[in-house]
PDB file of N, CA and C in Angstrom:
ATOM      1  N   MET A   1      -7.472  -6.185  13.067  1.00  0.00           N
ATOM      2  CA  MET A   1      -7.843  -4.944  13.717  1.00  0.00           C
ATOM      3  C   MET A   1      -7.674  -3.798  12.727  1.00  0.00           C
ATOM      4  N   LEU A   2      -8.551  -2.838  12.790  1.00  0.00           N
ATOM      5  CA  LEU A   2      -8.508  -1.658  11.938  1.00  0.00           C
ATOM      6  C   LEU A   2      -8.174  -0.450  12.799  1.00  0.00           C
ATOM      7  N   LEU A   3      -7.175   0.315  12.384  1.00  0.00           N
ATOM      8  CA  LEU A   3      -6.847   1.576  13.038  1.00  0.00           C
ATOM      9  C   LEU A   3      -7.432   2.690  12.188  1.00  0.00           C
ATOM     10  N   TYR A   4      -8.362   3.433  12.739  1.00  0.00           N
ATOM     11  CA  TYR A   4      -9.032   4.534  12.040  1.00  0.00           C
ATOM     12  C   TYR A   4      -8.572   5.835  12.681  1.00  0.00           C
ATOM     13  N   ILE A   5      -7.790   6.602  11.950  1.00  0.00           N
ATOM     14  CA  ILE A   5      -7.343   7.913  12.420  1.00  0.00           C
ATOM     15  C   ILE A   5      -8.330   8.932  11.866  1.00  0.00           C
ATOM     16  N   ASN A   6      -9.215   9.385  12.714  1.00  0.00           N
ATOM     17  CA  ASN A   6     -10.306  10.260  12.329  1.00  0.00           C
ATOM     18  C   ASN A   6      -9.863  11.718  12.440  1.00  0.00           C
ATOM     19  N   ALA A   7      -9.633  12.333  11.287  1.00  0.00           N
ATOM     20  CA  ALA A   7      -9.243  13.735  11.240  1.00  0.00           C
ATOM     21  C   ALA A   7     -10.396  14.614  10.750  1.00  0.00           C
ATOM     22  N   CYS A   8     -11.612  14.068  10.757  1.00  0.00           N
ATOM     23  CA  CYS A   8     -12.788  14.796  10.278  1.00  0.00           C
ATOM     24  C   CYS A   8     -13.321  15.711  11.371  1.00  0.00           C
ATOM     25  N   VAL A   9     -13.373  16.996  11.098  1.00  0.00           N
ATOM     26  CA  VAL A   9     -13.877  17.936  12.106  1.00  0.00           C
ATOM     27  C   VAL A   9     -15.211  18.550  11.708  1.00  0.00           C
ATOM     28  N   ARG A  10     -15.511  18.582  10.439  1.00  0.00           N
ATOM     29  CA  ARG A  10     -16.785  19.155   9.996  1.00  0.00           C
ATOM     30  C   ARG A  10     -17.932  18.187  10.274  1.00  0.00           C
ATOM     31  N   THR A  11     -19.064  18.726  10.724  1.00  0.00           N
ATOM     32  CA  THR A  11     -20.240  17.907  10.981  1.00  0.00           C
ATOM     33  C   THR A  11     -20.706  17.213   9.705  1.00  0.00           C
ATOM     34  N   GLU A  12     -20.644  17.897   8.599  1.00  0.00           N
ATOM     35  CA  GLU A  12     -21.088  17.354   7.310  1.00  0.00           C
ATOM     36  C   GLU A  12     -19.904  16.854   6.480  1.00  0.00           C
ATOM     37  N   SER A  13     -18.949  16.243   7.096  1.00  0.00           N
ATOM     38  CA  SER A  13     -17.739  15.784   6.421  1.00  0.00           C
ATOM     39  C   SER A  13     -18.029  14.656   5.438  1.00  0.00           C
ATOM     40  N   ARG A  14     -17.662  14.864   4.177  1.00  0.00           N
ATOM     41  CA  ARG A  14     -17.813  13.813   3.170  1.00  0.00           C
ATOM     42  C   ARG A  14     -16.830  12.689   3.445  1.00  0.00           C
ATOM     43  N   THR A  15     -15.660  13.040   3.968  1.00  0.00           N
ATOM     44  CA  THR A  15     -14.668  12.025   4.322  1.00  0.00           C
ATOM     45  C   THR A  15     -15.216  11.115   5.412  1.00  0.00           C
ATOM     46  N   ARG A  16     -15.925  11.685   6.373  1.00  0.00           N
ATOM     47  CA  ARG A  16     -16.518  10.881   7.447  1.00  0.00           C
ATOM     48  C   ARG A  16     -17.551   9.904   6.886  1.00  0.00           C
ATOM     49  N   VAL A  17     -18.340  10.332   5.894  1.00  0.00           N
ATOM     50  CA  VAL A  17     -19.331   9.447   5.268  1.00  0.00           C
ATOM     51  C   VAL A  17     -18.635   8.221   4.683  1.00  0.00           C
ATOM     52  N   ILE A  18     -17.547   8.462   3.958  1.00  0.00           N
ATOM     53  CA  ILE A  18     -16.805   7.359   3.342  1.00  0.00           C
ATOM     54  C   ILE A  18     -16.154   6.483   4.411  1.00  0.00           C
ATOM     55  N   ALA A  19     -15.530   7.115   5.397  1.00  0.00           N
ATOM     56  CA  ALA A  19     -14.855   6.360   6.462  1.00  0.00           C
ATOM     57  C   ALA A  19     -15.855   5.518   7.252  1.00  0.00           C
ATOM     58  N   ASP A  20     -17.016   6.086   7.580  1.00  0.00           N
ATOM     59  CA  ASP A  20     -18.031   5.333   8.324  1.00  0.00           C
ATOM     60  C   ASP A  20     -18.504   4.122   7.524  1.00  0.00           C
ATOM     61  N   ALA A  21     -18.646   4.294   6.207  1.00  0.00           N
ATOM     62  CA  ALA A  21     -19.060   3.172   5.361  1.00  0.00           C
ATOM     63  C   ALA A  21     -17.994   2.080   5.361  1.00  0.00           C
ATOM     64  N   LEU A  22     -16.745   2.479   5.297  1.00  0.00           N
ATOM     65  CA  LEU A  22     -15.654   1.507   5.304  1.00  0.00           C
ATOM     66  C   LEU A  22     -15.580   0.786   6.648  1.00  0.00           C
ATOM     67  N   VAL A  23     -15.648   1.528   7.731  1.00  0.00           N
ATOM     68  CA  VAL A  23     -15.564   0.945   9.072  1.00  0.00           C
ATOM     69  C   VAL A  23     -16.721  -0.039   9.303  1.00  0.00           C
ATOM     70  N   SER A  24     -17.897   0.285   8.767  1.00  0.00           N
ATOM     71  CA  SER A  24     -19.068  -0.588   8.972  1.00  0.00           C
ATOM     72  C   SER A  24     -18.908  -1.933   8.280  1.00  0.00           C
ATOM     73  N   LYS A  25     -18.011  -2.050   7.323  1.00  0.00           N
ATOM     74  CA  LYS A  25     -17.785  -3.305   6.610  1.00  0.00           C
ATOM     75  C   LYS A  25     -16.852  -4.257   7.362  1.00  0.00           C
ATOM     76  N   TYR A  26     -16.168  -3.768   8.381  1.00  0.00           N
ATOM     77  CA  TYR A  26     -15.204  -4.584   9.123  1.00  0.00           C
ATOM     78  C   TYR A  26     -15.890  -5.336  10.245  1.00  0.00           C
ATOM     79  N   SER A  27     -15.585  -6.624  10.352  1.00  0.00           N
ATOM     80  CA  SER A  27     -16.103  -7.409  11.472  1.00  0.00           C
ATOM     81  C   SER A  27     -15.056  -7.488  12.580  1.00  0.00           C
ATOM     82  N   GLU A  28     -13.851  -7.014  12.266  1.00  0.00           N
ATOM     83  CA  GLU A  28     -12.757  -7.017  13.235  1.00  0.00           C
ATOM     84  C   GLU A  28     -12.899  -5.813  14.166  1.00  0.00           C
ATOM     85  N   PRO A  29     -12.183  -5.832  15.303  1.00  0.00           N
ATOM     86  CA  PRO A  29     -12.204  -4.668  16.194  1.00  0.00           C
ATOM     87  C   PRO A  29     -11.651  -3.421  15.497  1.00  0.00           C
ATOM     88  N   VAL A  30     -12.227  -2.280  15.816  1.00  0.00           N
ATOM     89  CA  VAL A  30     -11.799  -1.004  15.237  1.00  0.00           C
ATOM     90  C   VAL A  30     -11.314  -0.105  16.363  1.00  0.00           C
ATOM     91  N   THR A  31     -10.107   0.401  16.215  1.00  0.00           N
ATOM     92  CA  THR A  31      -9.578   1.386  17.152  1.00  0.00           C
ATOM     93  C   THR A  31      -9.633   2.735  16.444  1.00  0.00           C
ATOM     94  N   GLU A  32     -10.364   3.669  17.026  1.00  0.00           N
ATOM     95  CA  GLU A  32     -10.516   4.993  16.418  1.00  0.00           C
ATOM     96  C   GLU A  32      -9.763   6.027  17.244  1.00  0.00           C
ATOM     97  N   VAL A  33      -8.919   6.792  16.568  1.00  0.00           N
ATOM     98  CA  VAL A  33      -8.210   7.902  17.186  1.00  0.00           C
ATOM     99  C   VAL A  33      -8.810   9.170  16.592  1.00  0.00           C
ATOM    100  N   VAL A  34      -9.468   9.972  17.422  1.00  0.00           N
ATOM    101  CA  VAL A  34     -10.122  11.199  16.967  1.00  0.00           C
ATOM    102  C   VAL A  34      -9.166  12.360  17.234  1.00  0.00           C
ATOM    103  N   LEU A  35      -8.587  12.896  16.159  1.00  0.00           N
ATOM    104  CA  LEU A  35      -7.554  13.912  16.308  1.00  0.00           C
ATOM    105  C   LEU A  35      -8.043  15.185  16.979  1.00  0.00           C
ATOM    106  N   GLU A  36      -9.296  15.567  16.750  1.00  0.00           N
ATOM    107  CA  GLU A  36      -9.774  16.818  17.354  1.00  0.00           C
ATOM    108  C   GLU A  36      -9.914  16.722  18.869  1.00  0.00           C
ATOM    109  N   LYS A  37      -9.872  15.500  19.407  1.00  0.00           N
ATOM    110  CA  LYS A  37      -9.980  15.326  20.858  1.00  0.00           C
ATOM    111  C   LYS A  37      -8.613  15.228  21.534  1.00  0.00           C
ATOM    112  N   ILE A  38      -7.560  15.288  20.742  1.00  0.00           N
ATOM    113  CA  ILE A  38      -6.212  15.176  21.299  1.00  0.00           C
ATOM    114  C   ILE A  38      -5.641  16.569  21.531  1.00  0.00           C
ATOM    115  N   ASP A  39      -5.117  16.779  22.707  1.00  0.00           N
ATOM    116  CA  ASP A  39      -4.473  18.040  23.038  1.00  0.00           C
ATOM    117  C   ASP A  39      -2.985  17.886  22.712  1.00  0.00           C
ATOM    118  N   PHE A  40      -2.600  18.327  21.529  1.00  0.00           N
ATOM    119  CA  PHE A  40      -1.214  18.181  21.107  1.00  0.00           C
ATOM    120  C   PHE A  40      -0.311  19.132  21.888  1.00  0.00           C
ATOM    121  N   PRO A  41       0.894  18.682  22.210  1.00  0.00           N
ATOM    122  CA  PRO A  41       1.800  19.538  22.973  1.00  0.00           C
ATOM    123  C   PRO A  41       2.298  20.720  22.139  1.00  0.00           C
ATOM    124  N   LYS A  42       2.655  21.764  22.837  1.00  0.00           N
ATOM    125  CA  LYS A  42       3.240  22.936  22.196  1.00  0.00           C
ATOM    126  C   LYS A  42       4.599  22.543  21.625  1.00  0.00           C
ATOM    127  N   VAL A  43       4.826  22.900  20.367  1.00  0.00           N
ATOM    128  CA  VAL A  43       6.117  22.594  19.747  1.00  0.00           C
ATOM    129  C   VAL A  43       7.016  23.816  19.901  1.00  0.00           C
ATOM    130  N   ASP A  44       7.995  23.674  20.795  1.00  0.00           N
ATOM    131  CA  ASP A  44       8.966  24.737  21.014  1.00  0.00           C
ATOM    132  C   ASP A  44      10.359  24.104  21.025  1.00  0.00           C
ATOM    133  N   ASP A  45      11.365  24.871  21.350  1.00  0.00           N
ATOM    134  CA  ASP A  45      12.735  24.356  21.327  1.00  0.00           C
ATOM    135  C   ASP A  45      12.914  23.168  22.270  1.00  0.00           C
ATOM    136  N   ALA A  46      12.339  23.246  23.454  1.00  0.00           N
ATOM    137  CA  ALA A  46      12.467  22.150  24.422  1.00  0.00           C
ATOM    138  C   ALA A  46      11.814  20.870  23.890  1.00  0.00           C
ATOM    139  N   PHE A  47      10.672  21.007  23.254  1.00  0.00           N
ATOM    140  CA  PHE A  47       9.978  19.849  22.673  1.00  0.00           C
ATOM    141  C   PHE A  47      10.843  19.195  21.592  1.00  0.00           C
ATOM    142  N   ILE A  48      11.396  20.017  20.704  1.00  0.00           N
ATOM    143  CA  ILE A  48      12.241  19.498  19.616  1.00  0.00           C
ATOM    144  C   ILE A  48      13.479  18.810  20.190  1.00  0.00           C
ATOM    145  N   ARG A  49      14.063  19.378  21.213  1.00  0.00           N
ATOM    146  CA  ARG A  49      15.250  18.744  21.839  1.00  0.00           C
ATOM    147  C   ARG A  49      14.900  17.382  22.445  1.00  0.00           C
ATOM    148  N   ARG A  50      13.737  17.287  23.122  1.00  0.00           N
ATOM    149  CA  ARG A  50      13.302  15.993  23.681  1.00  0.00           C
ATOM    150  C   ARG A  50      13.072  14.988  22.552  1.00  0.00           C
ATOM    151  N   ARG A  51      12.438  15.435  21.474  1.00  0.00           N
ATOM    152  CA  ARG A  51      12.197  14.552  20.336  1.00  0.00           C
ATOM    153  C   ARG A  51      13.510  14.079  19.734  1.00  0.00           C
ATOM    154  N   ASP A  52      14.462  15.001  19.585  1.00  0.00           N
ATOM    155  CA  ASP A  52      15.760  14.640  19.001  1.00  0.00           C
ATOM    156  C   ASP A  52      16.498  13.613  19.852  1.00  0.00           C
ATOM    157  N   ASP A  53      16.321  13.672  21.170  1.00  0.00           N
ATOM    158  CA  ASP A  53      16.960  12.696  22.056  1.00  0.00           C
ATOM    159  C   ASP A  53      16.383  11.296  21.872  1.00  0.00           C
ATOM    160  N   LEU A  54      15.144  11.195  21.379  1.00  0.00           N
ATOM    161  CA  LEU A  54      14.468   9.907  21.251  1.00  0.00           C
ATOM    162  C   LEU A  54      14.622   9.266  19.868  1.00  0.00           C
ATOM    163  N   LYS A  55      14.956  10.037  18.860  1.00  0.00           N
ATOM    164  CA  LYS A  55      14.968   9.473  17.506  1.00  0.00           C
ATOM    165  C   LYS A  55      16.188   8.582  17.277  1.00  0.00           C
ATOM    166  N   ALA A  56      15.959   7.547  16.453  1.00  0.00           N
ATOM    167  CA  ALA A  56      17.009   6.563  16.175  1.00  0.00           C
ATOM    168  C   ALA A  56      17.698   6.820  14.843  1.00  0.00           C
ATOM    169  N   GLY A  57      17.023   7.492  13.956  1.00  0.00           N
ATOM    170  CA  GLY A  57      17.627   7.782  12.662  1.00  0.00           C
ATOM    171  C   GLY A  57      17.547   6.607  11.721  1.00  0.00           C
ATOM    172  N   GLY A  58      18.145   6.744  10.570  1.00  0.00           N
ATOM    173  CA  GLY A  58      18.127   5.692   9.568  1.00  0.00           C
ATOM    174  C   GLY A  58      18.208   6.294   8.185  1.00  0.00           C
ATOM    175  N   ASP A  59      18.289   5.418   7.196  1.00  0.00           N
ATOM    176  CA  ASP A  59      18.418   5.911   5.824  1.00  0.00           C
ATOM    177  C   ASP A  59      17.140   5.745   5.026  1.00  0.00           C
ATOM    178  N   PHE A  60      16.029   5.497   5.704  1.00  0.00           N
ATOM    179  CA  PHE A  60      14.756   5.315   5.016  1.00  0.00           C
ATOM    180  C   PHE A  60      14.190   6.670   4.642  1.00  0.00           C
ATOM    181  N   CYS A  61      14.071   6.915   3.355  1.00  0.00           N
ATOM    182  CA  CYS A  61      13.522   8.188   2.868  1.00  0.00           C
ATOM    183  C   CYS A  61      12.712   7.902   1.610  1.00  0.00           C
ATOM    184  N   PRO A  62      11.389   7.759   1.735  1.00  0.00           N
ATOM    185  CA  PRO A  62      10.579   7.407   0.574  1.00  0.00           C
ATOM    186  C   PRO A  62      10.576   8.510  -0.474  1.00  0.00           C
ATOM    187  N   GLU A  63      10.428   8.100  -1.730  1.00  0.00           N
ATOM    188  CA  GLU A  63      10.386   9.065  -2.823  1.00  0.00           C
ATOM    189  C   GLU A  63       9.027   9.745  -2.918  1.00  0.00           C
ATOM    190  N   GLU A  64       7.994   9.093  -2.399  1.00  0.00           N
ATOM    191  CA  GLU A  64       6.649   9.647  -2.469  1.00  0.00           C
ATOM    192  C   GLU A  64       6.260  10.290  -1.140  1.00  0.00           C
ATOM    193  N   TYR A  65       5.336  11.201  -1.213  1.00  0.00           N
ATOM    194  CA  TYR A  65       4.723  11.726  -0.004  1.00  0.00           C
ATOM    195  C   TYR A  65       3.234  11.423  -0.080  1.00  0.00           C
ATOM    196  N   GLY A  66       2.450  11.872   0.834  1.00  0.00           N
ATOM    197  CA  GLY A  66       1.033  11.532   0.829  1.00  0.00           C
ATOM    198  C   GLY A  66       0.837  10.071   1.169  1.00  0.00           C
ATOM    199  N   PHE A  67       0.006   9.361   0.402  1.00  0.00           N
ATOM    200  CA  PHE A  67      -0.310   7.971   0.706  1.00  0.00           C
ATOM    201  C   PHE A  67       0.921   7.077   0.658  1.00  0.00           C
ATOM    202  N   GLY A  68       1.777   7.282  -0.308  1.00  0.00           N
ATOM    203  CA  GLY A  68       2.976   6.459  -0.387  1.00  0.00           C
ATOM    204  C   GLY A  68       3.804   6.551   0.879  1.00  0.00           C
ATOM    205  N   TYR A  69       3.870   7.725   1.438  1.00  0.00           N
ATOM    206  CA  TYR A  69       4.631   7.935   2.677  1.00  0.00           C
ATOM    207  C   TYR A  69       3.957   7.230   3.856  1.00  0.00           C
ATOM    208  N   VAL A  70       2.639   7.404   3.979  1.00  0.00           N
ATOM    209  CA  VAL A  70       1.892   6.770   5.063  1.00  0.00           C
ATOM    210  C   VAL A  70       1.980   5.248   4.937  1.00  0.00           C
ATOM    211  N   LYS A  71       1.852   4.733   3.708  1.00  0.00           N
ATOM    212  CA  LYS A  71       1.938   3.290   3.473  1.00  0.00           C
ATOM    213  C   LYS A  71       3.313   2.758   3.872  1.00  0.00           C
ATOM    214  N   ALA A  72       4.354   3.481   3.495  1.00  0.00           N
ATOM    215  CA  ALA A  72       5.713   3.064   3.843  1.00  0.00           C
ATOM    216  C   ALA A  72       5.920   3.072   5.354  1.00  0.00           C
ATOM    217  N   LEU A  73       5.433   4.087   6.032  1.00  0.00           N
ATOM    218  CA  LEU A  73       5.544   4.139   7.493  1.00  0.00           C
ATOM    219  C   LEU A  73       4.794   2.967   8.133  1.00  0.00           C
ATOM    220  N   ALA A  74       3.563   2.743   7.687  1.00  0.00           N
ATOM    221  CA  ALA A  74       2.748   1.675   8.262  1.00  0.00           C
ATOM    222  C   ALA A  74       3.437   0.320   8.105  1.00  0.00           C
ATOM    223  N   ARG A  75       3.931   0.045   6.916  1.00  0.00           N
ATOM    224  CA  ARG A  75       4.539  -1.269   6.648  1.00  0.00           C
ATOM    225  C   ARG A  75       5.908  -1.425   7.298  1.00  0.00           C
ATOM    226  N   ASN A  76       6.756  -0.421   7.149  1.00  0.00           N
ATOM    227  CA  ASN A  76       8.147  -0.563   7.567  1.00  0.00           C
ATOM    228  C   ASN A  76       8.410  -0.267   9.041  1.00  0.00           C
ATOM    229  N   PHE A  77       7.622   0.618   9.635  1.00  0.00           N
ATOM    230  CA  PHE A  77       7.870   0.994  11.015  1.00  0.00           C
ATOM    231  C   PHE A  77       6.872   0.382  11.998  1.00  0.00           C
ATOM    232  N   TYR A  78       5.637   0.150  11.541  1.00  0.00           N
ATOM    233  CA  TYR A  78       4.609  -0.336  12.447  1.00  0.00           C
ATOM    234  C   TYR A  78       4.148  -1.757  12.143  1.00  0.00           C
ATOM    235  N   GLY A  79       4.661  -2.350  11.055  1.00  0.00           N
ATOM    236  CA  GLY A  79       4.325  -3.733  10.730  1.00  0.00           C
ATOM    237  C   GLY A  79       2.913  -3.941  10.218  1.00  0.00           C
ATOM    238  N   ILE A  80       2.263  -2.881   9.771  1.00  0.00           N
ATOM    239  CA  ILE A  80       0.898  -2.992   9.231  1.00  0.00           C
ATOM    240  C   ILE A  80       1.028  -3.227   7.729  1.00  0.00           C
ATOM    241  N   GLN A  81       0.786  -4.476   7.300  1.00  0.00           N
ATOM    242  CA  GLN A  81       0.987  -4.823   5.898  1.00  0.00           C
ATOM    243  C   GLN A  81      -0.229  -4.513   5.024  1.00  0.00           C
ATOM    244  N   ASP A  82      -1.426  -4.577   5.587  1.00  0.00           N
ATOM    245  CA  ASP A  82      -2.641  -4.338   4.811  1.00  0.00           C
ATOM    246  C   ASP A  82      -2.996  -2.856   4.880  1.00  0.00           C
ATOM    247  N   VAL A  83      -2.436  -2.083   3.959  1.00  0.00           N
ATOM    248  CA  VAL A  83      -2.652  -0.638   3.905  1.00  0.00           C
ATOM    249  C   VAL A  83      -3.331  -0.330   2.572  1.00  0.00           C
ATOM    250  N   ARG A  84      -4.475   0.299   2.623  1.00  0.00           N
ATOM    251  CA  ARG A  84      -5.242   0.549   1.403  1.00  0.00           C
ATOM    252  C   ARG A  84      -5.579   2.024   1.253  1.00  0.00           C
ATOM    253  N   LEU A  85      -5.639   2.470   0.024  1.00  0.00           N
ATOM    254  CA  LEU A  85      -6.010   3.851  -0.284  1.00  0.00           C
ATOM    255  C   LEU A  85      -7.461   3.886  -0.737  1.00  0.00           C
ATOM    256  N   VAL A  86      -8.259   4.698  -0.080  1.00  0.00           N
ATOM    257  CA  VAL A  86      -9.637   4.954  -0.486  1.00  0.00           C
ATOM    258  C   VAL A  86      -9.715   6.446  -0.757  1.00  0.00           C
ATOM    259  N   LYS A  87     -10.141   6.809  -1.966  1.00  0.00           N
ATOM    260  CA  LYS A  87     -10.189   8.238  -2.266  1.00  0.00           C
ATOM    261  C   LYS A  87     -11.403   8.587  -3.111  1.00  0.00           C
ATOM    262  N   ALA A  88     -11.849   9.806  -2.931  1.00  0.00           N
ATOM    263  CA  ALA A  88     -12.912  10.390  -3.736  1.00  0.00           C
ATOM    264  C   ALA A  88     -12.339  11.695  -4.288  1.00  0.00           C
ATOM    265  N   THR A  89     -12.166  11.757  -5.578  1.00  0.00           N
ATOM    266  CA  THR A  89     -11.524  12.930  -6.175  1.00  0.00           C
ATOM    267  C   THR A  89     -12.523  13.767  -6.965  1.00  0.00           C
ATOM    268  N   GLY A  90     -12.209  15.030  -7.093  1.00  0.00           N
ATOM    269  CA  GLY A  90     -13.018  15.945  -7.881  1.00  0.00           C
ATOM    270  C   GLY A  90     -14.230  16.495  -7.147  1.00  0.00           C
ATOM    271  N   LEU A  91     -14.257  16.349  -5.836  1.00  0.00           N
ATOM    272  CA  LEU A  91     -15.418  16.776  -5.060  1.00  0.00           C
ATOM    273  C   LEU A  91     -15.682  18.278  -5.140  1.00  0.00           C
ATOM    274  N   ASP A  92     -14.650  19.057  -5.228  1.00  0.00           N
ATOM    275  CA  ASP A  92     -14.799  20.515  -5.163  1.00  0.00           C
ATOM    276  C   ASP A  92     -14.670  21.204  -6.515  1.00  0.00           C
ATOM    277  N   ILE A  93     -14.752  20.447  -7.583  1.00  0.00           N
ATOM    278  CA  ILE A  93     -14.722  21.038  -8.927  1.00  0.00           C
ATOM    279  C   ILE A  93     -16.101  21.611  -9.222  1.00  0.00           C
ATOM    280  N   VAL A  94     -16.141  22.832  -9.722  1.00  0.00           N
ATOM    281  CA  VAL A  94     -17.413  23.474 -10.031  1.00  0.00           C
ATOM    282  C   VAL A  94     -18.195  22.584 -10.999  1.00  0.00           C
ATOM    283  N   GLY A  95     -19.429  22.292 -10.634  1.00  0.00           N
ATOM    284  CA  GLY A  95     -20.291  21.453 -11.459  1.00  0.00           C
ATOM    285  C   GLY A  95     -20.243  19.977 -11.117  1.00  0.00           C
ATOM    286  N   ALA A  96     -19.319  19.584 -10.273  1.00  0.00           N
ATOM    287  CA  ALA A  96     -19.216  18.175  -9.896  1.00  0.00           C
ATOM    288  C   ALA A  96     -20.383  17.792  -8.991  1.00  0.00           C
ATOM    289  N   ASP A  97     -20.845  16.569  -9.120  1.00  0.00           N
ATOM    290  CA  ASP A  97     -21.883  16.043  -8.245  1.00  0.00           C
ATOM    291  C   ASP A  97     -21.184  15.350  -7.077  1.00  0.00           C
ATOM    292  N   ALA A  98     -20.849  16.139  -6.054  1.00  0.00           N
ATOM    293  CA  ALA A  98     -20.062  15.628  -4.931  1.00  0.00           C
ATOM    294  C   ALA A  98     -20.762  14.481  -4.224  1.00  0.00           C
ATOM    295  N   ASP A  99     -22.078  14.571  -4.064  1.00  0.00           N
ATOM    296  CA  ASP A  99     -22.810  13.485  -3.405  1.00  0.00           C
ATOM    297  C   ASP A  99     -22.683  12.188  -4.195  1.00  0.00           C
ATOM    298  N   ARG A 100     -22.758  12.283  -5.499  1.00  0.00           N
ATOM    299  CA  ARG A 100     -22.633  11.096  -6.361  1.00  0.00           C
ATOM    300  C   ARG A 100     -21.224  10.512  -6.277  1.00  0.00           C
ATOM    301  N   ILE A 101     -20.216  11.371  -6.246  1.00  0.00           N
ATOM    302  CA  ILE A 101     -18.829  10.906  -6.132  1.00  0.00           C
ATOM    303  C   ILE A 101     -18.638  10.145  -4.822  1.00  0.00           C
ATOM    304  N   VAL A 102     -19.179  10.683  -3.732  1.00  0.00           N
ATOM    305  CA  VAL A 102     -19.095  10.000  -2.434  1.00  0.00           C
ATOM    306  C   VAL A 102     -19.844   8.673  -2.491  1.00  0.00           C
ATOM    307  N   GLU A 103     -21.039   8.671  -3.062  1.00  0.00           N
ATOM    308  CA  GLU A 103     -21.836   7.438  -3.187  1.00  0.00           C
ATOM    309  C   GLU A 103     -21.080   6.375  -3.994  1.00  0.00           C
ATOM    310  N   ASP A 104     -20.461   6.785  -5.103  1.00  0.00           N
ATOM    311  CA  ASP A 104     -19.687   5.850  -5.924  1.00  0.00           C
ATOM    312  C   ASP A 104     -18.486   5.297  -5.164  1.00  0.00           C
ATOM    313  N   THR A 105     -17.845   6.155  -4.378  1.00  0.00           N
ATOM    314  CA  THR A 105     -16.694   5.709  -3.581  1.00  0.00           C
ATOM    315  C   THR A 105     -17.143   4.696  -2.538  1.00  0.00           C
ATOM    316  N   VAL A 106     -18.237   4.988  -1.847  1.00  0.00           N
ATOM    317  CA  VAL A 106     -18.765   4.063  -0.844  1.00  0.00           C
ATOM    318  C   VAL A 106     -19.149   2.742  -1.493  1.00  0.00           C
ATOM    319  N   ALA A 107     -19.783   2.803  -2.667  1.00  0.00           N
ATOM    320  CA  ALA A 107     -20.204   1.576  -3.365  1.00  0.00           C
ATOM    321  C   ALA A 107     -19.013   0.716  -3.767  1.00  0.00           C
ATOM    322  N   GLY A 108     -17.867   1.333  -3.983  1.00  0.00           N
ATOM    323  CA  GLY A 108     -16.670   0.595  -4.383  1.00  0.00           C
ATOM    324  C   GLY A 108     -15.859   0.001  -3.244  1.00  0.00           C
ATOM    325  N   LEU A 109     -16.300   0.216  -2.012  1.00  0.00           N
ATOM    326  CA  LEU A 109     -15.562  -0.311  -0.868  1.00  0.00           C
ATOM    327  C   LEU A 109     -15.677  -1.817  -0.753  1.00  0.00           C
TER     328      LEU A 109
END
C-alpha cells in the first residue's frame, strides 16, 4: 500500500506532476490524504494540554530534519520500511528549465 500525503495546493503544481507520475506506477492500493481538505484544529493552550496528556515520550531524537526525520518517523513509529526520497532540485533558479527538471525526475521514477 502507498500512503500519499498530498500537500499540493497550486493548480499548476510541479510537485503534483511528479507525485501523480509516481502514484501511476503503483499497482498496489493508494491511500491519499489531501491536506488542503483537512480542517486542522485551532492550536491553543487547551489543545497543547490535551496533546501533552497523550504523548508517551522517549529518547528518539534524529540528527537530521526534513527527509531524514520523516524517514525515521515512518520506520520507527509507523513500521513503514519502504521510504523513498523523490526530489527535483533547482526548479526556481533563474534560467533553469523547470519543465525539463520535472520531466527528468519523472523519467527516473
